[in-house]
C-alpha atoms as a PDB file:
ATOM      1  CA  UNK A   1    -226.835 -30.474-128.950  1.00  0.00           C
ATOM      2  CA  UNK A   2    -223.422 -29.241-129.202  1.00  0.00           C
ATOM      3  CA  UNK A   3    -221.024 -29.417-132.600  1.00  0.00           C
ATOM      4  CA  UNK A   4    -217.950 -31.768-132.231  1.00  0.00           C
ATOM      5  CA  UNK A   5    -215.010 -29.939-132.809  1.00  0.00           C
ATOM      6  CA  UNK A   6    -212.580 -31.261-135.492  1.00  0.00           C
ATOM      7  CA  UNK A   7    -208.782 -31.839-134.572  1.00  0.00           C
ATOM      8  CA  UNK A   8    -207.948 -28.892-136.244  1.00  0.00           C
ATOM      9  CA  UNK A   9    -210.318 -26.711-134.199  1.00  0.00           C
ATOM     10  CA  UNK A  10    -208.966 -28.275-131.263  1.00  0.00           C
ATOM     11  CA  UNK A  11    -205.229 -27.687-132.083  1.00  0.00           C
ATOM     12  CA  UNK A  12    -206.440 -24.060-132.910  1.00  0.00           C
ATOM     13  CA  UNK A  13    -208.492 -23.244-129.593  1.00  0.00           C
ATOM     14  CA  UNK A  14    -205.376 -25.088-127.480  1.00  0.00           C
ATOM     15  CA  UNK A  15    -202.912 -22.784-129.523  1.00  0.00           C
ATOM     16  CA  UNK A  16    -205.181 -19.422-128.770  1.00  0.00           C
ATOM     17  CA  UNK A  17    -205.027 -20.617-125.003  1.00  0.00           C
ATOM     18  CA  UNK A  18    -201.299 -20.995-124.458  1.00  0.00           C
ATOM     19  CA  UNK A  19    -200.647 -17.650-126.526  1.00  0.00           C
ATOM     20  CA  UNK A  20    -203.039 -15.912-123.862  1.00  0.00           C
ATOM     21  CA  UNK A  21    -201.223 -17.646-121.246  1.00  0.00           C
ATOM     22  CA  UNK A  22    -197.733 -16.709-122.442  1.00  0.00           C
ATOM     23  CA  UNK A  23    -198.768 -13.060-122.953  1.00  0.00           C
ATOM     24  CA  UNK A  24    -200.544 -12.817-119.271  1.00  0.00           C
ATOM     25  CA  UNK A  25    -197.113 -14.326-117.993  1.00  0.00           C
ATOM     26  CA  UNK A  26    -195.060 -11.901-119.621  1.00  0.00           C
ATOM     27  CA  UNK A  27    -197.270  -8.950-118.605  1.00  0.00           C
ATOM     28  CA  UNK A  28    -197.080 -10.038-114.972  1.00  0.00           C
ATOM     29  CA  UNK A  29    -193.498 -10.429-115.131  1.00  0.00           C
ATOM     30  CA  UNK A  30    -192.587  -7.279-117.241  1.00  0.00           C
ATOM     31  CA  UNK A  31    -190.858  -9.658-119.775  1.00  0.00           C
ATOM     32  CA  UNK A  32    -190.806  -8.237-123.081  1.00  0.00           C
ATOM     33  CA  UNK A  33    -192.483 -10.471-125.912  1.00  0.00           C
ATOM     34  CA  UNK A  34    -190.626 -11.220-129.214  1.00  0.00           C
ATOM     35  CA  UNK A  35    -192.977 -11.214-132.221  1.00  0.00           C
ATOM     36  CA  UNK A  36    -192.274 -10.990-136.198  1.00  0.00           C
ATOM     37  CA  UNK A  37    -193.074  -7.894-137.506  1.00  0.00           C
ATOM     38  CA  UNK A  38    -192.166  -6.183-141.097  1.00  0.00           C
ATOM     39  CA  UNK A  39    -189.800  -9.443-141.594  1.00  0.00           C
ATOM     40  CA  UNK A  40    -187.728  -8.786-138.261  1.00  0.00           C
ATOM     41  CA  UNK A  41    -187.952  -9.823-134.563  1.00  0.00           C
ATOM     42  CA  UNK A  42    -189.129  -7.122-132.545  1.00  0.00           C
ATOM     43  CA  UNK A  43    -189.298  -7.237-128.807  1.00  0.00           C
ATOM     44  CA  UNK A  44    -192.702  -5.557-127.634  1.00  0.00           C
ATOM     45  CA  UNK A  45    -194.074  -5.261-123.897  1.00  0.00           C
ATOM     46  CA  UNK A  46    -197.192  -7.277-123.397  1.00  0.00           C
ATOM     47  CA  UNK A  47    -199.113  -4.396-122.258  1.00  0.00           C
ATOM     48  CA  UNK A  48    -198.425  -2.479-125.661  1.00  0.00           C
ATOM     49  CA  UNK A  49    -198.957  -5.521-127.368  1.00  0.00           C
ATOM     50  CA  UNK A  50    -202.688  -5.906-125.734  1.00  0.00           C
ATOM     51  CA  UNK A  51    -203.339  -2.027-126.467  1.00  0.00           C
ATOM     52  CA  UNK A  52    -202.603  -2.636-130.197  1.00  0.00           C
ATOM     53  CA  UNK A  53    -204.885  -5.786-130.375  1.00  0.00           C
ATOM     54  CA  UNK A  54    -207.572  -3.817-128.750  1.00  0.00           C
END
């Protein structure tokens, strides 16, 4: 029997999937991603971000 996900769990899963899709799209097109790092907005390539996350 599968456990039913709460609304919060469903939202979290949807957000993770959306981020995964955006990173993949940026990787394919070569556009940098804008992320928040050390109190500043930083532009980083999707490939570099994926390597950092391991």
